[in-house]
C-alpha cells in the first residue's frame, strides 16, 4: 500500500504544473458556467491553456516564454 502511495506522490510531483493548470482552468471555467451557457464554451479554452502552461512548467521552460508563444505579439 505504501508503494502505491509513493508512486502516486511521484506522479503528482512530476506533473504538478499540469495538475495545477488544469485545476485553475476548471475553477475559472466553473465560475464562468455559473454566469451563462455561452461562457461555458470558454471552459475548454481555460482548461487547454492551463494544461499547456502547466506542461511547459513541467518541462522546466520559462512561464514568460510559454505566454509569449501562446498569446499574440503586441507592443513590446
N, C-alpha and C. Protein backbone atom coordinates (compact mmCIF):
# COMPACT_ATOMS: atom_id res chain seq x y z
N UNK A 1 0.82 -1.20 0.00
CA UNK A 1 0.00 0.00 0.00
C UNK A 1 0.86 1.26 0.00
N UNK A 2 1.94 1.23 0.77
CA UNK A 2 2.81 2.39 0.82
C UNK A 2 3.52 2.62 -0.51
N UNK A 3 3.83 1.53 -1.21
CA UNK A 3 4.49 1.67 -2.51
C UNK A 3 3.58 2.35 -3.51
N UNK A 4 2.28 2.01 -3.50
CA UNK A 4 1.33 2.64 -4.42
C UNK A 4 1.18 4.13 -4.10
N UNK A 5 1.15 4.45 -2.80
CA UNK A 5 1.02 5.85 -2.39
C UNK A 5 2.27 6.63 -2.79
N UNK A 6 3.44 6.02 -2.64
CA UNK A 6 4.69 6.66 -3.01
C UNK A 6 4.73 6.90 -4.52
N UNK A 7 4.26 5.92 -5.29
CA UNK A 7 4.23 6.06 -6.75
C UNK A 7 3.25 7.16 -7.16
N UNK A 8 2.09 7.21 -6.50
CA UNK A 8 1.11 8.26 -6.79
C UNK A 8 1.70 9.64 -6.48
N UNK A 9 2.38 9.76 -5.37
CA UNK A 9 3.01 11.03 -5.00
C UNK A 9 4.07 11.42 -6.01
N UNK A 10 4.86 10.46 -6.49
CA UNK A 10 5.88 10.75 -7.51
C UNK A 10 5.22 11.25 -8.80
N UNK A 11 4.11 10.61 -9.20
CA UNK A 11 3.40 11.05 -10.40
C UNK A 11 2.84 12.47 -10.23
N UNK A 12 2.26 12.74 -9.07
CA UNK A 12 1.71 14.07 -8.81
C UNK A 12 2.81 15.12 -8.85
N UNK A 13 3.93 14.83 -8.22
CA UNK A 13 5.04 15.79 -8.22
C UNK A 13 5.63 15.98 -9.61
N UNK A 14 5.67 14.92 -10.39
CA UNK A 14 6.23 15.02 -11.74
C UNK A 14 5.35 15.89 -12.63
N UNK A 15 4.03 15.81 -12.44
CA UNK A 15 3.10 16.53 -13.30
C UNK A 15 2.36 17.64 -12.55
N UNK A 16 3.00 18.23 -11.56
CA UNK A 16 2.31 19.22 -10.73
C UNK A 16 1.90 20.46 -11.50
N UNK A 17 2.68 20.86 -12.47
CA UNK A 17 2.32 22.04 -13.26
C UNK A 17 1.05 21.82 -14.06
N UNK A 18 0.94 20.65 -14.67
CA UNK A 18 -0.26 20.32 -15.44
C UNK A 18 -1.47 20.22 -14.52
N UNK A 19 -1.28 19.60 -13.36
CA UNK A 19 -2.39 19.43 -12.42
C UNK A 19 -2.89 20.78 -11.93
N UNK A 20 -1.98 21.64 -11.53
CA UNK A 20 -2.37 22.97 -11.05
C UNK A 20 -3.02 23.77 -12.18
N UNK A 21 -2.46 23.70 -13.39
CA UNK A 21 -3.02 24.42 -14.52
C UNK A 21 -4.44 23.98 -14.85
N UNK A 22 -4.66 22.67 -14.85
CA UNK A 22 -5.99 22.16 -15.15
C UNK A 22 -6.97 22.54 -14.03
N UNK A 23 -6.54 22.45 -12.79
CA UNK A 23 -7.43 22.82 -11.68
C UNK A 23 -7.80 24.30 -11.72
N UNK A 24 -6.84 25.14 -12.03
CA UNK A 24 -7.15 26.57 -12.15
C UNK A 24 -8.10 26.82 -13.32
N UNK A 25 -7.87 26.14 -14.43
CA UNK A 25 -8.77 26.27 -15.57
C UNK A 25 -10.18 25.81 -15.24
N UNK A 26 -10.28 24.69 -14.52
CA UNK A 26 -11.60 24.19 -14.11
C UNK A 26 -12.30 25.15 -13.16
N UNK A 27 -11.55 25.72 -12.23
CA UNK A 27 -12.14 26.68 -11.29
C UNK A 27 -12.68 27.89 -12.02
N UNK A 28 -11.89 28.45 -12.90
CA UNK A 28 -12.35 29.61 -13.67
C UNK A 28 -13.49 29.23 -14.61
N UNK A 29 -13.42 28.03 -15.16
CA UNK A 29 -14.50 27.56 -16.02
C UNK A 29 -15.79 27.37 -15.25
N UNK A 30 -15.69 26.83 -14.04
CA UNK A 30 -16.87 26.62 -13.20
C UNK A 30 -17.54 27.96 -12.90
N UNK A 31 -16.75 28.96 -12.60
CA UNK A 31 -17.29 30.30 -12.34
C UNK A 31 -17.96 30.84 -13.60
N UNK A 32 -17.36 30.59 -14.74
CA UNK A 32 -17.95 31.06 -15.99
C UNK A 32 -19.28 30.40 -16.27
N UNK A 33 -19.38 29.11 -16.01
CA UNK A 33 -20.63 28.38 -16.24
C UNK A 33 -21.74 28.95 -15.36
N UNK A 34 -21.41 29.32 -14.17
CA UNK A 34 -22.41 29.84 -13.24
C UNK A 34 -23.04 31.12 -13.77
N UNK A 35 -22.39 31.80 -14.68
CA UNK A 35 -22.89 33.07 -15.18
C UNK A 35 -23.43 33.01 -16.60
N UNK A 36 -23.53 31.83 -17.21
CA UNK A 36 -24.15 31.73 -18.52
C UNK A 36 -23.60 30.59 -19.36
N UNK A 37 -24.46 30.11 -20.29
CA UNK A 37 -24.10 28.97 -21.13
C UNK A 37 -23.04 29.35 -22.16
N UNK A 38 -23.14 30.54 -22.72
CA UNK A 38 -22.16 30.97 -23.71
C UNK A 38 -20.76 30.97 -23.11
N UNK A 39 -20.67 31.41 -21.88
CA UNK A 39 -19.37 31.44 -21.20
C UNK A 39 -18.84 30.03 -20.94
N UNK A 40 -19.74 29.05 -20.95
CA UNK A 40 -19.31 27.67 -20.72
C UNK A 40 -18.36 27.21 -21.83
N UNK A 41 -18.50 27.74 -23.02
CA UNK A 41 -17.59 27.40 -24.11
C UNK A 41 -16.16 27.81 -23.79
N UNK A 42 -16.08 28.79 -22.94
CA UNK A 42 -14.77 29.30 -22.54
C UNK A 42 -14.03 28.30 -21.65
N UNK A 43 -14.76 27.37 -21.02
CA UNK A 43 -14.16 26.38 -20.13
C UNK A 43 -13.09 25.58 -20.87
N UNK A 44 -13.41 25.12 -22.04
CA UNK A 44 -12.45 24.34 -22.81
C UNK A 44 -11.16 25.09 -23.07
N UNK A 45 -11.28 26.34 -23.41
CA UNK A 45 -10.09 27.16 -23.65
C UNK A 45 -9.27 27.33 -22.37
N UNK A 46 -9.96 27.53 -21.25
CA UNK A 46 -9.24 27.69 -19.99
C UNK A 46 -8.50 26.43 -19.59
N UNK A 47 -9.15 25.29 -19.76
CA UNK A 47 -8.51 24.03 -19.40
C UNK A 47 -7.32 23.76 -20.32
N UNK A 48 -7.50 23.99 -21.61
CA UNK A 48 -6.39 23.78 -22.54
C UNK A 48 -5.22 24.71 -22.25
N UNK A 49 -5.53 25.98 -21.99
CA UNK A 49 -4.46 26.93 -21.67
C UNK A 49 -3.75 26.53 -20.38
N UNK A 50 -4.52 26.09 -19.38
CA UNK A 50 -3.91 25.64 -18.13
C UNK A 50 -3.03 24.42 -18.33
N UNK A 51 -3.50 23.49 -19.12
CA UNK A 51 -2.70 22.30 -19.41
C UNK A 51 -1.42 22.67 -20.16
N UNK A 52 -1.56 23.54 -21.15
CA UNK A 52 -0.41 23.96 -21.95
C UNK A 52 0.65 24.63 -21.08
N UNK A 53 0.21 25.60 -20.29
CA UNK A 53 1.16 26.31 -19.44
C UNK A 53 1.75 25.38 -18.38
N UNK A 54 0.93 24.49 -17.84
CA UNK A 54 1.43 23.54 -16.85
C UNK A 54 2.44 22.58 -17.42
N UNK A 55 2.22 22.14 -18.65
CA UNK A 55 3.18 21.22 -19.26
C UNK A 55 4.50 21.94 -19.55
N UNK A 56 4.42 23.23 -19.87
CA UNK A 56 5.66 24.00 -20.07
C UNK A 56 6.43 24.11 -18.76
N UNK A 57 5.73 24.33 -17.65
CA UNK A 57 6.39 24.40 -16.35
C UNK A 57 7.01 23.05 -16.01
N UNK A 58 6.30 21.95 -16.30
CA UNK A 58 6.85 20.62 -16.05
C UNK A 58 8.11 20.37 -16.86
N UNK A 59 8.21 20.95 -18.03
CA UNK A 59 9.39 20.79 -18.89
C UNK A 59 10.47 21.81 -18.57
N UNK A 60 10.29 22.51 -17.47
CA UNK A 60 11.27 23.49 -16.97
C UNK A 60 11.49 24.66 -17.93
N UNK A 61 10.46 25.01 -18.68
CA UNK A 61 10.54 26.18 -19.54
C UNK A 61 10.07 27.40 -18.78
N UNK A 62 10.50 28.55 -19.22
CA UNK A 62 10.09 29.79 -18.58
C UNK A 62 8.61 30.04 -18.85
N UNK A 63 7.89 30.46 -17.83
CA UNK A 63 6.47 30.75 -17.98
C UNK A 63 6.27 31.93 -18.92
N UNK A 64 7.15 32.91 -18.87
CA UNK A 64 7.00 34.06 -19.76
C UNK A 64 7.22 33.66 -21.22
N UNK A 65 8.14 32.73 -21.48
CA UNK A 65 8.33 32.24 -22.86
C UNK A 65 7.09 31.50 -23.36
N UNK A 66 6.48 30.70 -22.48
CA UNK A 66 5.27 29.98 -22.85
C UNK A 66 4.13 30.96 -23.15
N UNK A 67 4.02 32.00 -22.35
CA UNK A 67 2.98 33.01 -22.58
C UNK A 67 3.20 33.74 -23.89
N UNK A 68 4.47 34.03 -24.21
CA UNK A 68 4.78 34.69 -25.50
C UNK A 68 4.41 33.80 -26.67
N UNK A 69 4.55 32.47 -26.52
CA UNK A 69 4.16 31.56 -27.60
C UNK A 69 2.66 31.45 -27.70
N UNK A 70 1.95 31.54 -26.58
CA UNK A 70 0.51 31.35 -26.53
C UNK A 70 -0.26 32.59 -26.98
N UNK A 71 0.20 33.75 -26.55
CA UNK A 71 -0.51 34.99 -26.81
C UNK A 71 0.04 35.68 -28.06
N UNK A 72 -0.80 36.45 -28.75
CA UNK A 72 -0.32 37.16 -29.94
C UNK A 72 0.65 38.28 -29.56
N UNK A 73 1.55 38.62 -30.47
CA UNK A 73 2.51 39.68 -30.15
C UNK A 73 1.83 41.03 -30.06
N UNK A 74 2.35 41.86 -29.20
CA UNK A 74 1.82 43.21 -29.05
C UNK A 74 2.98 44.18 -28.99
N UNK A 75 2.73 45.33 -28.46
CA UNK A 75 3.80 46.33 -28.30
C UNK A 75 4.71 45.90 -27.17
N UNK A 76 5.95 45.66 -27.51
CA UNK A 76 6.93 45.23 -26.50
C UNK A 76 8.04 46.21 -26.44
